[in-house]
Amino acid sequence: MNEKSHVSLEQHVCLVCGATFDTGAILLDRRLRASMERHTTTGWSLCAEHRKLFDDGYVALVECDPQRSGSPAGGERLKPEQAYRTGRVAHVKREVFARLFDVAIAITQACVFVEPGVIERLQARAGRPLG
C-alpha cells in the first residue's frame, strides 16, 4: 500500500548505528496536497540509546570501510550519508578520547568515523572490549 497523504510521520537516521527512528513529529503539506509517504526521513540525529551515551559524556567511534564509503570533496570531512558503516562501534569518554587522539572535538560532536583497525588497537591497548 503506497498511498500518499498530506501528513507524514517524521523519522531521523541515527548517526552512530544508522537505524531509522520516529522523532514524534508530524509533517504537514501546507497546501494539503497528497505529496508525502507515511514516513518521511528528514535528517540525522541520535537514537535513544546513543543519545543517552552522548549525554553521559561518551563519544562514539564508528568504524567505516574507506573502500565502500563515498569520497569527501576537496578535503572535507566524511558526511554521514557517505559513510559505509561496518557495524563496529565503540564508546569512549570524551576526556579519554582527547588524550588518546591528542585532539579536542566540539562538545556537540557525538561521533567520529574511524578506519578499520582503530577499535581493535584501542581494545588491545585497554586489555578489554570497548563498548
C-alpha atoms as a PDB file:
ATOM      1  CA  MET A   1       0.000   0.000   0.000  1.00  0.00           C
ATOM      2  CA  ASN A   2       1.763   3.114  -1.273  1.00  0.00           C
ATOM      3  CA  GLU A   3      -0.851   5.798  -0.751  1.00  0.00           C
ATOM      4  CA  LYS A   4       0.258   9.412  -0.457  1.00  0.00           C
ATOM      5  CA  SER A   5      -1.134  11.813   2.110  1.00  0.00           C
ATOM      6  CA  HIS A   6      -0.799  15.427   3.209  1.00  0.00           C
ATOM      7  CA  VAL A   7       0.574  14.256   6.573  1.00  0.00           C
ATOM      8  CA  SER A   8       3.601  12.134   7.394  1.00  0.00           C
ATOM      9  CA  LEU A   9       5.424  10.858  10.476  1.00  0.00           C
ATOM     10  CA  GLU A  10       8.931  12.328  10.682  1.00  0.00           C
ATOM     11  CA  GLN A  11      11.900   9.997  11.082  1.00  0.00           C
ATOM     12  CA  HIS A  12      15.626  10.549  11.571  1.00  0.00           C
ATOM     13  CA  VAL A  13      18.585   8.249  10.970  1.00  0.00           C
ATOM     14  CA  CYS A  14      20.996   7.619  13.858  1.00  0.00           C
ATOM     15  CA  LEU A  15      24.493   8.963  13.169  1.00  0.00           C
ATOM     16  CA  VAL A  16      26.059   6.082  15.081  1.00  0.00           C
ATOM     17  CA  CYS A  17      24.137   2.925  14.161  1.00  0.00           C
ATOM     18  CA  GLY A  18      22.267   4.013  11.043  1.00  0.00           C
ATOM     19  CA  ALA A  19      18.881   2.918  12.420  1.00  0.00           C
ATOM     20  CA  THR A  20      15.777   4.844  11.383  1.00  0.00           C
ATOM     21  CA  PHE A  21      13.570   6.008  14.249  1.00  0.00           C
ATOM     22  CA  ASP A  22      10.476   8.151  14.785  1.00  0.00           C
ATOM     23  CA  THR A  23      11.043  11.679  16.087  1.00  0.00           C
ATOM     24  CA  GLY A  24       7.477  12.097  17.310  1.00  0.00           C
ATOM     25  CA  ALA A  25       6.846  14.986  14.919  1.00  0.00           C
ATOM     26  CA  ILE A  26       4.127  15.107  12.314  1.00  0.00           C
ATOM     27  CA  LEU A  27       4.820  16.767   8.977  1.00  0.00           C
ATOM     28  CA  LEU A  28       2.076  18.587   7.122  1.00  0.00           C
ATOM     29  CA  ASP A  29       1.939  19.657   3.490  1.00  0.00           C
ATOM     30  CA  ARG A  30       0.708  23.234   3.867  1.00  0.00           C
ATOM     31  CA  ARG A  31      -1.048  23.070   0.511  1.00  0.00           C
ATOM     32  CA  LEU A  32      -2.869  19.946   1.759  1.00  0.00           C
ATOM     33  CA  ARG A  33      -1.718  18.015  -1.283  1.00  0.00           C
ATOM     34  CA  ALA A  34      -1.182  14.270  -1.103  1.00  0.00           C
ATOM     35  CA  SER A  35       2.583  14.561  -1.558  1.00  0.00           C
ATOM     36  CA  MET A  36       4.090  12.520   1.298  1.00  0.00           C
ATOM     37  CA  GLU A  37       4.610   8.898   2.216  1.00  0.00           C
ATOM     38  CA  ARG A  38       3.520   7.545   5.607  1.00  0.00           C
ATOM     39  CA  HIS A  39       7.062   8.119   6.977  1.00  0.00           C
ATOM     40  CA  THR A  40       9.487  10.828   5.868  1.00  0.00           C
ATOM     41  CA  THR A  41      13.171  10.806   6.793  1.00  0.00           C
ATOM     42  CA  THR A  42      14.321  14.383   7.254  1.00  0.00           C
ATOM     43  CA  GLY A  43      17.780  14.210   8.768  1.00  0.00           C
ATOM     44  CA  TRP A  44      20.369  12.774  11.125  1.00  0.00           C
ATOM     45  CA  SER A  45      20.413  12.669  14.931  1.00  0.00           C
ATOM     46  CA  LEU A  46      20.934  10.118  17.697  1.00  0.00           C
ATOM     47  CA  CYS A  47      18.589   7.251  18.570  1.00  0.00           C
ATOM     48  CA  ALA A  48      17.563   6.953  22.240  1.00  0.00           C
ATOM     49  CA  GLU A  49      20.381   4.511  23.105  1.00  0.00           C
ATOM     50  CA  HIS A  50      23.138   6.624  21.582  1.00  0.00           C
ATOM     51  CA  ARG A  51      21.610   9.892  22.854  1.00  0.00           C
ATOM     52  CA  LYS A  52      21.891   8.528  26.421  1.00  0.00           C
ATOM     53  CA  LEU A  53      25.549   7.571  25.916  1.00  0.00           C
ATOM     54  CA  PHE A  54      26.287  11.010  24.442  1.00  0.00           C
ATOM     55  CA  ASP A  55      24.506  12.705  27.364  1.00  0.00           C
ATOM     56  CA  ASP A  56      26.631  10.570  29.738  1.00  0.00           C
ATOM     57  CA  GLY A  57      29.804  12.021  28.190  1.00  0.00           C
ATOM     58  CA  TYR A  58      30.747   9.398  25.603  1.00  0.00           C
ATOM     59  CA  VAL A  59      31.953   9.833  22.032  1.00  0.00           C
ATOM     60  CA  ALA A  60      31.111   7.049  19.595  1.00  0.00           C
ATOM     61  CA  LEU A  61      33.855   5.657  17.376  1.00  0.00           C
ATOM     62  CA  VAL A  62      32.067   4.376  14.272  1.00  0.00           C
ATOM     63  CA  GLU A  63      34.143   2.093  12.074  1.00  0.00           C
ATOM     64  CA  CYS A  64      33.717   2.761   8.353  1.00  0.00           C
ATOM     65  CA  ASP A  65      35.102   0.967   5.319  1.00  0.00           C
ATOM     66  CA  PRO A  66      37.042   3.570   3.310  1.00  0.00           C
ATOM     67  CA  GLN A  67      36.801   1.482   0.128  1.00  0.00           C
ATOM     68  CA  ARG A  68      32.993   1.490   0.243  1.00  0.00           C
ATOM     69  CA  SER A  69      32.448   4.947   1.697  1.00  0.00           C
ATOM     70  CA  GLY A  70      31.962   7.963  -0.519  1.00  0.00           C
ATOM     71  CA  SER A  71      34.874  10.299  -1.064  1.00  0.00           C
ATOM     72  CA  PRO A  72      34.750  13.665   0.668  1.00  0.00           C
ATOM     73  CA  ALA A  73      35.107  16.520  -1.811  1.00  0.00           C
ATOM     74  CA  GLY A  74      38.080  18.834  -1.530  1.00  0.00           C
ATOM     75  CA  GLY A  75      39.477  17.513   1.764  1.00  0.00           C
ATOM     76  CA  GLU A  76      36.191  17.911   3.606  1.00  0.00           C
ATOM     77  CA  ARG A  77      35.075  15.557   6.348  1.00  0.00           C
ATOM     78  CA  LEU A  78      33.210  12.355   5.545  1.00  0.00           C
ATOM     79  CA  LYS A  79      29.474  13.066   5.694  1.00  0.00           C
ATOM     80  CA  PRO A  80      27.097  10.635   7.428  1.00  0.00           C
ATOM     81  CA  GLU A  81      25.405   9.692   4.161  1.00  0.00           C
ATOM     82  CA  GLN A  82      28.807   8.857   2.610  1.00  0.00           C
ATOM     83  CA  ALA A  83      29.971   6.607   5.466  1.00  0.00           C
ATOM     84  CA  TYR A  84      29.721   2.855   4.891  1.00  0.00           C
ATOM     85  CA  ARG A  85      29.402   1.606   8.468  1.00  0.00           C
ATOM     86  CA  THR A  86      30.885  -1.821   9.215  1.00  0.00           C
ATOM     87  CA  GLY A  87      28.736  -2.280  12.324  1.00  0.00           C
ATOM     88  CA  ARG A  88      31.626  -1.961  14.779  1.00  0.00           C
ATOM     89  CA  VAL A  89      31.142   0.815  17.306  1.00  0.00           C
ATOM     90  CA  ALA A  90      32.993   1.712  20.499  1.00  0.00           C
ATOM     91  CA  HIS A  91      32.235   4.405  23.033  1.00  0.00           C
ATOM     92  CA  VAL A  92      34.921   6.272  24.969  1.00  0.00           C
ATOM     93  CA  LYS A  93      34.626   9.087  27.467  1.00  0.00           C
ATOM     94  CA  ARG A  94      35.191  12.495  25.895  1.00  0.00           C
ATOM     95  CA  GLU A  95      38.217  13.200  28.128  1.00  0.00           C
ATOM     96  CA  VAL A  96      39.776   9.845  27.235  1.00  0.00           C
ATOM     97  CA  PHE A  97      39.167  10.498  23.535  1.00  0.00           C
ATOM     98  CA  ALA A  98      41.048  13.809  23.770  1.00  0.00           C
ATOM     99  CA  ARG A  99      44.034  12.066  25.410  1.00  0.00           C
ATOM    100  CA  LEU A 100      44.056   9.060  23.064  1.00  0.00           C
ATOM    101  CA  PHE A 101      43.887  11.049  19.864  1.00  0.00           C
ATOM    102  CA  ASP A 102      45.548  14.249  21.117  1.00  0.00           C
ATOM    103  CA  VAL A 103      42.754  16.282  19.610  1.00  0.00           C
ATOM    104  CA  ALA A 104      39.775  18.110  21.026  1.00  0.00           C
ATOM    105  CA  ILE A 105      36.382  17.759  19.392  1.00  0.00           C
ATOM    106  CA  ALA A 106      33.386  20.031  19.718  1.00  0.00           C
ATOM    107  CA  ILE A 107      31.215  19.363  22.765  1.00  0.00           C
ATOM    108  CA  THR A 108      28.267  18.899  20.376  1.00  0.00           C
ATOM    109  CA  GLN A 109      30.032  16.230  18.292  1.00  0.00           C
ATOM    110  CA  ALA A 110      28.583  12.824  19.152  1.00  0.00           C
ATOM    111  CA  CYS A 111      30.710  10.558  16.957  1.00  0.00           C
ATOM    112  CA  VAL A 112      33.741  10.230  14.747  1.00  0.00           C
ATOM    113  CA  PHE A 113      34.241   7.902  11.826  1.00  0.00           C
ATOM    114  CA  VAL A 114      37.350   5.727  12.119  1.00  0.00           C
ATOM    115  CA  GLU A 115      39.040   3.367   9.707  1.00  0.00           C
ATOM    116  CA  PRO A 116      39.105  -0.402  10.261  1.00  0.00           C
ATOM    117  CA  GLY A 117      41.591  -1.498  12.901  1.00  0.00           C
ATOM    118  CA  VAL A 118      41.361   1.554  15.172  1.00  0.00           C
ATOM    119  CA  ILE A 119      38.841  -0.048  17.547  1.00  0.00           C
ATOM    120  CA  GLU A 120      40.854  -3.299  17.732  1.00  0.00           C
ATOM    121  CA  ARG A 121      44.038  -1.363  18.558  1.00  0.00           C
ATOM    122  CA  LEU A 122      42.249   0.553  21.315  1.00  0.00           C
ATOM    123  CA  GLN A 123      40.788  -2.674  22.728  1.00  0.00           C
ATOM    124  CA  ALA A 124      44.242  -4.297  22.760  1.00  0.00           C
ATOM    125  CA  ARG A 125      45.648  -1.226  24.498  1.00  0.00           C
ATOM    126  CA  ALA A 126      42.838  -1.239  27.075  1.00  0.00           C
ATOM    127  CA  GLY A 127      43.011  -5.005  27.551  1.00  0.00           C
ATOM    128  CA  ARG A 128      39.220  -5.294  27.296  1.00  0.00           C
ATOM    129  CA  PRO A 129      36.398  -4.725  24.790  1.00  0.00           C
ATOM    130  CA  LEU A 130      35.272  -1.141  24.389  1.00  0.00           C
ATOM    131  CA  GLY A 131      31.557  -0.594  24.235  1.00  0.00           C
END
